[in-house]
Amino acid sequence: MSTLNRKHLWIKADIRKGELVDADTGEVLSCFRGNDLAVHVAFFNGGTLLSVANLTQAVLTVKDPADLEGDALMYKAQASLDDDLTVAEWNARANEHALFEFTGAETNVDIDAQVFKDLYVGVNVDTDDTPGKDLCFGTADLRIVEDGRGDGDDAPEIPAEYYTKDQADARYARLYSGSSNIRFVDGMYLELFDYGDSTWKRVVLNNGELQVYEEA
């Protein structure tokens, strides 16, 4: 039985089409925010698998489409490229030309408190020509989806300076120690003493009017 330790994206980068395609689904590239991610890329030209023998590195960049000249939200450069990749290996999802690995911290990008956000992703390569050439194999949308866990921060600790229910009741009672006709019960209920029948009455505020709720 196989196991899974992270999300895998298998991307077909075709320089003739200038696009990055999810080789498994054909749909928009996507991953969960704050999750570990492995991006496997194979380079094609018009559907034909290419040799990467003349490439010195491949670069994957993720940016906010509203700020393409700004800093990258995710970035990886990979100089270790596998020129022995075959079509059969790629189709079996057994190997790739370039592998880009991101930790959960690196994919924990700001998506503006939305359920998901579509970011820009591009894959470029550098050649060993003199001078070297920078080629963009393709771009696409990368959909970052909120996984519901937020930033993963620890829950805030309860401060030491808090009062239990009994302590709160005692403090309230001390505030009215000079009065014998009012009390606070169970940390929730206000009761007034009815001198007419010598009983305690629980009172509530209803639309601005004080009303007797029940006899304690």
Protein backbone atom coordinates (compact mmCIF):
# COMPACT_ATOMS: atom_id res chain seq x y z
CA MET A 1 0.00 0.00 0.00
CA SER A 2 1.42 3.38 -1.01
CA THR A 3 1.79 6.31 1.35
CA LEU A 4 1.64 10.06 0.79
CA ASN A 5 3.76 12.69 2.51
CA ARG A 6 3.01 15.81 0.45
CA LYS A 7 1.08 17.20 -2.50
CA HIS A 8 2.57 16.45 -5.94
CA LEU A 9 2.10 18.61 -9.03
CA TRP A 10 3.23 17.15 -12.35
CA ILE A 11 3.64 20.01 -14.81
CA LYS A 12 4.12 19.68 -18.56
CA ALA A 13 6.02 22.80 -19.71
CA ASP A 14 5.71 23.22 -23.48
CA ILE A 15 7.77 26.10 -24.87
CA ARG A 16 5.95 26.13 -28.22
CA LYS A 17 2.61 26.64 -26.49
CA GLY A 18 4.04 28.82 -23.71
CA GLU A 19 1.88 27.10 -21.14
CA LEU A 20 2.19 25.05 -17.99
CA VAL A 21 -0.33 22.21 -17.77
CA ASP A 22 -1.28 19.91 -14.92
CA ALA A 23 -0.34 16.62 -16.57
CA ASP A 24 -2.68 14.65 -14.31
CA THR A 25 -5.89 16.68 -14.56
CA GLY A 26 -5.46 19.18 -17.40
CA GLU A 27 -7.10 21.69 -15.06
CA VAL A 28 -5.76 24.75 -13.24
CA LEU A 29 -2.64 24.15 -11.18
CA SER A 30 -3.51 24.17 -7.50
CA CYS A 31 -2.24 23.39 -4.04
CA PHE A 32 -3.27 23.99 -0.44
CA ARG A 33 -1.82 26.93 1.45
CA GLY A 34 0.66 25.98 4.14
CA ASN A 35 1.15 22.43 2.84
CA ASP A 36 4.35 20.74 1.70
CA LEU A 37 4.53 20.64 -2.08
CA ALA A 38 6.61 18.83 -4.70
CA VAL A 39 6.48 20.26 -8.24
CA HIS A 40 7.70 17.90 -10.96
CA VAL A 41 8.40 19.53 -14.34
CA ALA A 42 9.15 18.03 -17.75
CA PHE A 43 10.15 20.19 -20.74
CA PHE A 44 8.52 19.74 -24.14
CA ASN A 45 8.51 21.44 -27.52
CA GLY A 46 5.25 20.96 -29.39
CA GLY A 47 4.55 17.76 -27.49
CA THR A 48 8.03 16.30 -27.97
CA LEU A 49 10.10 15.59 -24.87
CA LEU A 50 13.30 17.64 -24.93
CA SER A 51 16.85 17.04 -23.83
CA VAL A 52 17.99 19.32 -21.02
CA ALA A 53 21.70 18.70 -21.62
CA ASN A 54 22.28 22.35 -22.58
CA LEU A 55 20.44 23.83 -19.58
CA THR A 56 22.30 25.07 -16.52
CA GLN A 57 19.27 25.58 -14.30
CA ALA A 58 15.49 25.80 -14.16
CA VAL A 59 13.64 28.40 -12.10
CA LEU A 60 10.07 28.37 -10.79
CA THR A 61 8.61 31.70 -9.65
CA VAL A 62 5.25 32.48 -8.05
CA LYS A 63 4.04 36.08 -7.84
CA ASP A 64 0.94 38.08 -7.13
CA PRO A 65 -0.56 38.90 -10.57
CA ALA A 66 -1.33 42.39 -9.27
CA ASP A 67 2.36 42.97 -8.54
CA LEU A 68 4.42 41.10 -11.14
CA GLU A 69 7.37 43.46 -10.67
CA GLY A 70 7.37 42.89 -6.93
CA ASP A 71 9.09 40.21 -4.88
CA ALA A 72 8.34 36.54 -5.53
CA LEU A 73 5.93 34.87 -3.10
CA MET A 74 7.53 31.48 -3.85
CA TYR A 75 10.82 30.86 -5.63
CA LYS A 76 13.07 27.89 -6.35
CA ALA A 77 16.07 27.41 -8.64
CA GLN A 78 17.11 23.87 -9.58
CA ALA A 79 20.50 23.20 -11.16
CA SER A 80 20.22 19.42 -10.92
CA LEU A 81 18.33 18.45 -14.10
CA ASP A 82 17.79 14.87 -15.27
CA ASP A 83 18.58 14.49 -18.98
CA ASP A 84 17.83 10.75 -18.82
CA LEU A 85 14.07 11.26 -18.43
CA THR A 86 12.03 9.14 -20.86
CA VAL A 87 8.45 9.54 -22.02
CA ALA A 88 7.57 6.25 -20.34
CA GLU A 89 8.98 7.45 -17.02
CA TRP A 90 7.11 10.73 -17.30
CA ASN A 91 3.83 9.04 -18.18
CA ALA A 92 4.29 6.71 -15.19
CA ARG A 93 5.03 9.72 -12.95
CA ALA A 94 8.32 8.05 -12.06
CA ASN A 95 10.74 10.85 -12.92
CA GLU A 96 11.03 14.45 -14.12
CA HIS A 97 13.50 16.89 -15.62
CA ALA A 98 13.34 19.25 -12.63
CA LEU A 99 11.99 18.83 -9.10
CA PHE A 100 11.06 21.88 -7.03
CA GLU A 101 10.33 21.21 -3.35
CA PHE A 102 8.51 23.67 -1.08
CA THR A 103 7.87 23.39 2.64
CA GLY A 104 4.55 24.26 4.25
CA ALA A 105 6.08 27.51 5.48
CA GLU A 106 7.02 28.43 1.91
CA THR A 107 3.51 27.81 0.55
CA ASN A 108 1.89 29.67 3.45
CA VAL A 109 1.40 32.79 1.34
CA ASP A 110 -1.14 35.54 1.98
CA ILE A 111 -4.36 34.95 0.04
CA ASP A 112 -6.20 37.96 1.48
CA ALA A 113 -8.45 35.87 3.76
CA GLN A 114 -10.14 34.29 0.72
CA VAL A 115 -11.10 30.66 0.13
CA PHE A 116 -8.56 30.63 -2.70
CA LYS A 117 -6.44 33.02 -4.73
CA ASP A 118 -5.05 32.62 -8.25
CA LEU A 119 -1.39 33.58 -8.43
CA TYR A 120 1.03 33.79 -11.37
CA VAL A 121 3.55 30.97 -11.86
CA GLY A 122 6.30 30.90 -14.46
CA VAL A 123 9.05 28.42 -15.34
CA ASN A 124 12.27 29.70 -16.91
CA VAL A 125 15.53 28.01 -17.88
CA ASP A 126 19.09 29.21 -18.48
CA THR A 127 21.19 27.72 -21.29
CA ASP A 128 24.94 27.09 -21.38
CA ASP A 129 25.38 29.17 -24.54
CA THR A 130 27.88 32.04 -24.64
CA PRO A 131 26.33 34.31 -23.74
CA GLY A 132 23.73 32.24 -21.90
CA LYS A 133 20.08 32.57 -22.81
CA ASP A 134 17.09 32.90 -20.51
CA LEU A 135 14.03 31.12 -21.89
CA CYS A 136 10.51 31.12 -20.49
CA PHE A 137 8.88 27.73 -21.07
CA GLY A 138 5.47 28.82 -19.90
CA THR A 139 3.23 30.58 -17.42
CA ALA A 140 -0.09 29.74 -15.80
CA ASP A 141 -2.36 30.42 -12.85
CA LEU A 142 -1.49 28.68 -9.60
CA ARG A 143 -4.52 28.45 -7.34
CA ILE A 144 -3.61 28.58 -3.66
CA VAL A 145 -6.49 27.14 -1.64
CA GLU A 146 -7.04 27.78 2.06
CA ASP A 147 -6.77 24.49 3.95
CA GLY A 148 -8.78 25.70 6.95
CA ARG A 149 -5.88 25.53 9.38
CA GLY A 150 -4.85 29.16 9.07
CA ASP A 151 -1.24 30.00 9.81
CA GLY A 152 -0.86 27.14 12.24
CA ASP A 153 -0.05 29.43 15.16
CA ASP A 154 -0.48 28.10 18.68
CA ALA A 155 -3.70 28.99 20.46
CA PRO A 156 -3.24 31.91 22.85
CA GLU A 157 -2.66 30.95 26.47
CA ILE A 158 -5.23 31.87 29.09
CA PRO A 159 -3.64 34.59 31.22
CA ALA A 160 -2.95 33.83 34.84
CA GLU A 161 -4.97 36.89 35.93
CA TYR A 162 -8.44 35.45 35.43
CA TYR A 163 -11.30 34.72 37.84
CA THR A 164 -13.18 31.49 38.27
CA LYS A 165 -16.97 31.62 38.54
CA ASP A 166 -16.84 31.38 42.33
CA GLN A 167 -14.22 34.14 42.53
CA ALA A 168 -16.30 36.38 40.26
CA ASP A 169 -19.39 35.77 42.40
CA ALA A 170 -17.45 36.61 45.54
CA ARG A 171 -16.12 39.84 44.03
CA TYR A 172 -19.63 40.85 42.97
CA ALA A 173 -21.01 40.05 46.40
CA ARG A 174 -18.36 42.21 48.06
CA LEU A 175 -19.40 45.15 45.89
CA TYR A 176 -22.86 44.94 47.47
CA SER A 177 -21.85 43.87 50.96
CA GLY A 178 -23.73 46.87 52.41
CA SER A 179 -27.00 45.76 50.85
CA SER A 180 -29.13 42.79 51.82
CA ASN A 181 -31.59 42.91 48.92
CA ILE A 182 -29.42 41.97 45.93
CA ARG A 183 -27.27 38.99 45.02
CA PHE A 184 -25.55 37.42 42.01
CA VAL A 185 -26.07 33.65 41.59
CA ASP A 186 -24.00 31.07 39.66
CA GLY A 187 -22.07 33.79 37.88
CA MET A 188 -25.10 34.42 35.67
CA TYR A 189 -28.28 35.47 37.48
CA LEU A 190 -29.25 38.69 39.25
CA GLU A 191 -31.68 38.19 42.13
CA LEU A 192 -33.53 40.77 44.26
CA PHE A 193 -35.02 40.13 47.68
CA ASP A 194 -38.80 40.59 47.84
CA TYR A 195 -39.64 41.89 51.32
CA GLY A 196 -43.34 41.27 50.66
CA ASP A 197 -43.08 37.50 50.75
CA SER A 198 -39.48 37.19 51.98
CA THR A 199 -38.25 35.38 48.87
CA TRP A 200 -35.57 35.99 46.29
CA LYS A 201 -36.76 36.85 42.79
CA ARG A 202 -34.66 36.36 39.67
CA VAL A 203 -34.94 39.33 37.33
CA VAL A 204 -34.19 39.93 33.66
CA LEU A 205 -34.03 42.98 31.43
CA ASN A 206 -36.58 42.76 28.61
CA ASN A 207 -36.69 45.60 26.05
CA GLY A 208 -35.38 48.00 28.64
CA GLU A 209 -37.83 46.90 31.35
CA LEU A 210 -36.84 44.97 34.47
CA GLN A 211 -39.07 41.91 34.82
CA VAL A 212 -39.33 39.11 37.36
CA TYR A 213 -38.17 35.89 35.69
CA GLU A 214 -38.82 33.31 38.35
CA GLU A 215 -38.80 32.73 42.07
CA ALA A 216 -35.41 31.43 43.24
